[in-house]
Amino acid sequence: MNKTLLINRINPQDFTKQKKKMFFLIGDMNVPKVEERLVEVLSSSDLLDIDDIIYKYNGVEINMDAQMIPKIIKLLSLADISIYSVYEIYEPEL
């Protein structure tokens, strides 16, 4: 398995509202109850558009602006969902 991960540095001072692909690494994503709770919490939130959420085998990718990160972390934490890391996915400009 490839352990190399290319990520962008998140700028907490980025107030542009430009959406970027943020990834939240979630603990126990392989446990159906955790995955179901994650889907329920994110889909019922008025913070996100359902089209901006992509569920992965080990977490969730959300197309969002950087200023939303603390709100999403709080939302997931209140739902007792373990977050191990948050990063912006690197996408090379072609």
N, C-alpha and C. Protein backbone atom coordinates (compact mmCIF):
# COMPACT_ATOMS: atom_id res chain seq x y z
N MET A 1 0.85 -1.18 0.00
CA MET A 1 0.00 0.00 0.00
C MET A 1 0.89 1.24 0.00
N ASN A 2 0.52 2.19 -0.78
CA ASN A 2 1.27 3.43 -0.89
C ASN A 2 0.97 4.32 0.32
N LYS A 3 1.99 4.77 1.04
CA LYS A 3 1.79 5.58 2.23
C LYS A 3 2.11 7.06 1.98
N THR A 4 2.33 7.43 0.73
CA THR A 4 2.60 8.82 0.38
C THR A 4 1.28 9.57 0.25
N LEU A 5 1.24 10.75 0.84
CA LEU A 5 0.04 11.55 0.79
C LEU A 5 0.43 12.98 0.45
N LEU A 6 -0.12 13.51 -0.63
CA LEU A 6 0.15 14.89 -1.01
C LEU A 6 -1.01 15.75 -0.53
N ILE A 7 -0.68 16.75 0.28
CA ILE A 7 -1.71 17.63 0.80
C ILE A 7 -1.28 19.08 0.66
N ASN A 8 -2.23 19.96 0.70
CA ASN A 8 -1.96 21.40 0.71
C ASN A 8 -1.98 21.88 2.16
N ARG A 9 -1.25 22.90 2.42
CA ARG A 9 -1.27 23.53 3.74
C ARG A 9 -2.56 24.34 3.85
N ILE A 10 -3.29 24.14 4.96
CA ILE A 10 -4.53 24.88 5.18
C ILE A 10 -4.19 26.24 5.78
N ASN A 11 -4.74 27.27 5.18
CA ASN A 11 -4.51 28.63 5.66
C ASN A 11 -5.72 29.08 6.48
N PRO A 12 -5.58 29.19 7.83
CA PRO A 12 -6.72 29.60 8.65
C PRO A 12 -7.16 31.04 8.39
N GLN A 13 -6.34 31.81 7.69
CA GLN A 13 -6.69 33.20 7.38
C GLN A 13 -7.34 33.33 6.00
N ASP A 14 -7.70 32.20 5.39
CA ASP A 14 -8.34 32.20 4.08
C ASP A 14 -9.84 32.46 4.25
N PHE A 15 -10.28 33.67 3.97
CA PHE A 15 -11.67 34.06 4.11
C PHE A 15 -12.35 34.22 2.75
N THR A 16 -11.81 33.57 1.71
CA THR A 16 -12.30 33.76 0.35
C THR A 16 -13.62 33.07 0.05
N LYS A 17 -14.02 32.12 0.86
CA LYS A 17 -15.22 31.31 0.62
C LYS A 17 -15.07 30.41 -0.61
N GLN A 18 -13.84 30.27 -1.08
CA GLN A 18 -13.58 29.37 -2.20
C GLN A 18 -13.61 27.93 -1.68
N LYS A 19 -14.43 27.09 -2.31
CA LYS A 19 -14.54 25.71 -1.87
C LYS A 19 -13.31 24.91 -2.30
N LYS A 20 -12.83 24.09 -1.36
CA LYS A 20 -11.69 23.21 -1.60
C LYS A 20 -12.03 21.85 -1.03
N LYS A 21 -11.36 20.83 -1.54
CA LYS A 21 -11.62 19.47 -1.06
C LYS A 21 -10.88 19.22 0.24
N MET A 22 -11.64 19.14 1.33
CA MET A 22 -11.09 18.86 2.66
C MET A 22 -11.42 17.43 3.02
N PHE A 23 -10.45 16.74 3.60
CA PHE A 23 -10.66 15.35 3.99
C PHE A 23 -10.59 15.22 5.50
N PHE A 24 -11.55 14.53 6.07
CA PHE A 24 -11.61 14.25 7.50
C PHE A 24 -11.39 12.75 7.69
N LEU A 25 -10.28 12.39 8.31
CA LEU A 25 -9.98 10.99 8.60
C LEU A 25 -10.76 10.61 9.86
N ILE A 26 -11.65 9.63 9.73
CA ILE A 26 -12.57 9.27 10.80
C ILE A 26 -12.19 7.91 11.37
N GLY A 27 -12.17 7.81 12.70
CA GLY A 27 -11.88 6.54 13.35
C GLY A 27 -13.05 5.59 13.26
N ASP A 28 -12.76 4.30 13.15
CA ASP A 28 -13.77 3.23 13.11
C ASP A 28 -14.76 3.38 11.97
N MET A 29 -14.30 3.92 10.85
CA MET A 29 -15.17 4.09 9.69
C MET A 29 -15.66 2.74 9.17
N ASN A 30 -14.94 1.67 9.51
CA ASN A 30 -15.33 0.33 9.06
C ASN A 30 -16.48 -0.25 9.90
N VAL A 31 -16.84 0.41 10.98
CA VAL A 31 -17.95 -0.03 11.83
C VAL A 31 -19.24 0.59 11.28
N PRO A 32 -20.20 -0.23 10.89
CA PRO A 32 -21.42 0.30 10.27
C PRO A 32 -22.12 1.38 11.08
N LYS A 33 -22.17 1.26 12.41
CA LYS A 33 -22.85 2.27 13.23
C LYS A 33 -22.17 3.63 13.12
N VAL A 34 -20.85 3.63 13.05
CA VAL A 34 -20.10 4.89 12.93
C VAL A 34 -20.38 5.53 11.58
N GLU A 35 -20.32 4.73 10.54
CA GLU A 35 -20.59 5.25 9.20
C GLU A 35 -22.01 5.78 9.09
N GLU A 36 -22.97 5.05 9.64
CA GLU A 36 -24.37 5.49 9.60
C GLU A 36 -24.56 6.80 10.36
N ARG A 37 -23.90 6.92 11.52
CA ARG A 37 -24.01 8.15 12.31
C ARG A 37 -23.39 9.32 11.57
N LEU A 38 -22.24 9.09 10.91
CA LEU A 38 -21.58 10.13 10.13
C LEU A 38 -22.50 10.62 9.01
N VAL A 39 -23.08 9.69 8.27
CA VAL A 39 -23.99 10.05 7.17
C VAL A 39 -25.19 10.83 7.72
N GLU A 40 -25.76 10.37 8.82
CA GLU A 40 -26.91 11.04 9.41
C GLU A 40 -26.58 12.46 9.86
N VAL A 41 -25.45 12.62 10.54
CA VAL A 41 -25.06 13.93 11.07
C VAL A 41 -24.80 14.92 9.94
N LEU A 42 -24.04 14.51 8.94
CA LEU A 42 -23.70 15.42 7.84
C LEU A 42 -24.91 15.73 6.95
N SER A 43 -25.72 14.73 6.68
CA SER A 43 -26.86 14.97 5.80
C SER A 43 -27.95 15.80 6.47
N SER A 44 -28.05 15.74 7.79
CA SER A 44 -29.07 16.53 8.48
C SER A 44 -28.59 17.94 8.83
N SER A 45 -27.31 18.21 8.61
CA SER A 45 -26.77 19.53 8.92
C SER A 45 -27.14 20.52 7.83
N ASP A 46 -27.43 21.74 8.23
CA ASP A 46 -27.71 22.79 7.25
C ASP A 46 -26.43 23.52 6.83
N LEU A 47 -25.28 23.03 7.29
CA LEU A 47 -24.00 23.65 6.95
C LEU A 47 -23.49 23.24 5.56
N LEU A 48 -23.93 22.08 5.10
CA LEU A 48 -23.37 21.50 3.87
C LEU A 48 -24.44 21.16 2.85
N ASP A 49 -24.03 21.20 1.59
CA ASP A 49 -24.87 20.72 0.50
C ASP A 49 -24.54 19.25 0.30
N ILE A 50 -25.52 18.41 0.17
CA ILE A 50 -25.32 16.96 0.06
C ILE A 50 -24.41 16.61 -1.12
N ASP A 51 -24.41 17.45 -2.17
CA ASP A 51 -23.56 17.19 -3.34
C ASP A 51 -22.09 17.46 -3.06
N ASP A 52 -21.78 18.11 -1.96
CA ASP A 52 -20.39 18.42 -1.60
C ASP A 52 -19.75 17.37 -0.70
N ILE A 53 -20.47 16.28 -0.43
CA ILE A 53 -19.98 15.25 0.49
C ILE A 53 -19.71 13.95 -0.26
N ILE A 54 -18.50 13.40 -0.06
CA ILE A 54 -18.15 12.10 -0.64
C ILE A 54 -17.61 11.22 0.49
N TYR A 55 -18.27 10.11 0.74
CA TYR A 55 -17.86 9.20 1.79
C TYR A 55 -16.81 8.24 1.24
N LYS A 56 -15.75 8.03 2.00
CA LYS A 56 -14.66 7.14 1.61
C LYS A 56 -14.56 6.02 2.63
N TYR A 57 -13.69 5.05 2.36
CA TYR A 57 -13.56 3.90 3.27
C TYR A 57 -12.98 4.28 4.63
N ASN A 58 -12.25 5.39 4.70
CA ASN A 58 -11.60 5.78 5.96
C ASN A 58 -11.98 7.19 6.44
N GLY A 59 -12.96 7.79 5.80
CA GLY A 59 -13.36 9.13 6.21
C GLY A 59 -14.33 9.75 5.23
N VAL A 60 -14.30 11.07 5.21
CA VAL A 60 -15.23 11.79 4.34
C VAL A 60 -14.51 12.98 3.71
N GLU A 61 -14.77 13.18 2.43
CA GLU A 61 -14.23 14.32 1.69
C GLU A 61 -15.38 15.32 1.52
N ILE A 62 -15.11 16.56 1.90
CA ILE A 62 -16.14 17.60 1.81
C ILE A 62 -15.60 18.78 1.02
N ASN A 63 -16.35 19.18 0.02
CA ASN A 63 -16.00 20.35 -0.77
C ASN A 63 -16.53 21.57 -0.01
N MET A 64 -15.62 22.33 0.60
CA MET A 64 -16.03 23.41 1.50
C MET A 64 -14.93 24.45 1.61
N ASP A 65 -15.26 25.60 2.20
CA ASP A 65 -14.23 26.61 2.42
C ASP A 65 -13.54 26.34 3.76
N ALA A 66 -12.34 26.85 3.91
CA ALA A 66 -11.51 26.57 5.09
C ALA A 66 -12.14 27.05 6.39
N GLN A 67 -12.93 28.09 6.35
CA GLN A 67 -13.53 28.62 7.57
C GLN A 67 -14.61 27.71 8.15
N MET A 68 -15.03 26.72 7.40
CA MET A 68 -16.04 25.76 7.87
C MET A 68 -15.42 24.63 8.71
N ILE A 69 -14.12 24.47 8.67
CA ILE A 69 -13.48 23.35 9.36
C ILE A 69 -13.84 23.30 10.84
N PRO A 70 -13.69 24.37 11.61
CA PRO A 70 -14.05 24.28 13.04
C PRO A 70 -15.52 23.91 13.27
N LYS A 71 -16.41 24.37 12.42
CA LYS A 71 -17.83 24.05 12.57
C LYS A 71 -18.09 22.57 12.33
N ILE A 72 -17.43 22.01 11.32
CA ILE A 72 -17.61 20.59 11.02
C ILE A 72 -16.99 19.73 12.13
N ILE A 73 -15.83 20.14 12.62
CA ILE A 73 -15.20 19.40 13.72
C ILE A 73 -16.12 19.41 14.95
N LYS A 74 -16.69 20.54 15.27
CA LYS A 74 -17.60 20.63 16.42
C LYS A 74 -18.83 19.74 16.20
N LEU A 75 -19.39 19.78 15.00
CA LEU A 75 -20.56 18.98 14.67
C LEU A 75 -20.27 17.48 14.85
N LEU A 76 -19.12 17.04 14.33
CA LEU A 76 -18.75 15.63 14.44
C LEU A 76 -18.40 15.25 15.87
N SER A 77 -17.74 16.12 16.57
CA SER A 77 -17.37 15.84 17.97
C SER A 77 -18.61 15.71 18.85
N LEU A 78 -19.58 16.57 18.65
CA LEU A 78 -20.82 16.48 19.43
C LEU A 78 -21.57 15.18 19.16
N ALA A 79 -21.35 14.60 17.98
CA ALA A 79 -21.98 13.33 17.63
C ALA A 79 -21.11 12.14 18.04
N ASP A 80 -20.04 12.42 18.78
CA ASP A 80 -19.11 11.40 19.27
C ASP A 80 -18.45 10.62 18.12
N ILE A 81 -18.08 11.34 17.09
CA ILE A 81 -17.36 10.76 15.94
C ILE A 81 -15.90 11.16 16.07
N SER A 82 -15.01 10.18 16.07
CA SER A 82 -13.57 10.42 16.26
C SER A 82 -12.93 10.93 14.98
N ILE A 83 -12.26 12.09 15.09
CA ILE A 83 -11.56 12.70 13.96
C ILE A 83 -10.06 12.57 14.23
N TYR A 84 -9.34 11.98 13.30
CA TYR A 84 -7.90 11.79 13.49
C TYR A 84 -7.06 12.81 12.73
N SER A 85 -7.59 13.36 11.67
CA SER A 85 -6.87 14.41 10.96
C SER A 85 -7.80 15.11 9.97
N VAL A 86 -7.40 16.31 9.61
CA VAL A 86 -8.12 17.11 8.61
C VAL A 86 -7.06 17.70 7.70
N TYR A 87 -7.24 17.55 6.42
CA TYR A 87 -6.29 18.15 5.48
C TYR A 87 -6.97 18.47 4.16
N GLU A 88 -6.36 19.40 3.45
CA GLU A 88 -6.84 19.76 2.11
C GLU A 88 -6.16 18.84 1.11
N ILE A 89 -6.94 18.22 0.28
CA ILE A 89 -6.40 17.29 -0.71
C ILE A 89 -5.66 18.07 -1.80
N TYR A 90 -4.48 17.60 -2.13
CA TYR A 90 -3.67 18.23 -3.15
C TYR A 90 -4.22 17.89 -4.53
N GLU A 91 -4.47 18.91 -5.32
CA GLU A 91 -4.88 18.74 -6.71
C GLU A 91 -3.98 19.61 -7.57
N PRO A 92 -3.14 18.99 -8.37
CA PRO A 92 -2.23 19.79 -9.19
C PRO A 92 -2.99 20.60 -10.23
N GLU A 93 -2.50 21.80 -10.46
CA GLU A 93 -3.09 22.64 -11.50
C GLU A 93 -2.55 22.20 -12.83
N LEU A 94 -3.43 21.88 -13.74
CA LEU A 94 -3.00 21.40 -15.07
C LEU A 94 -3.09 22.50 -16.09
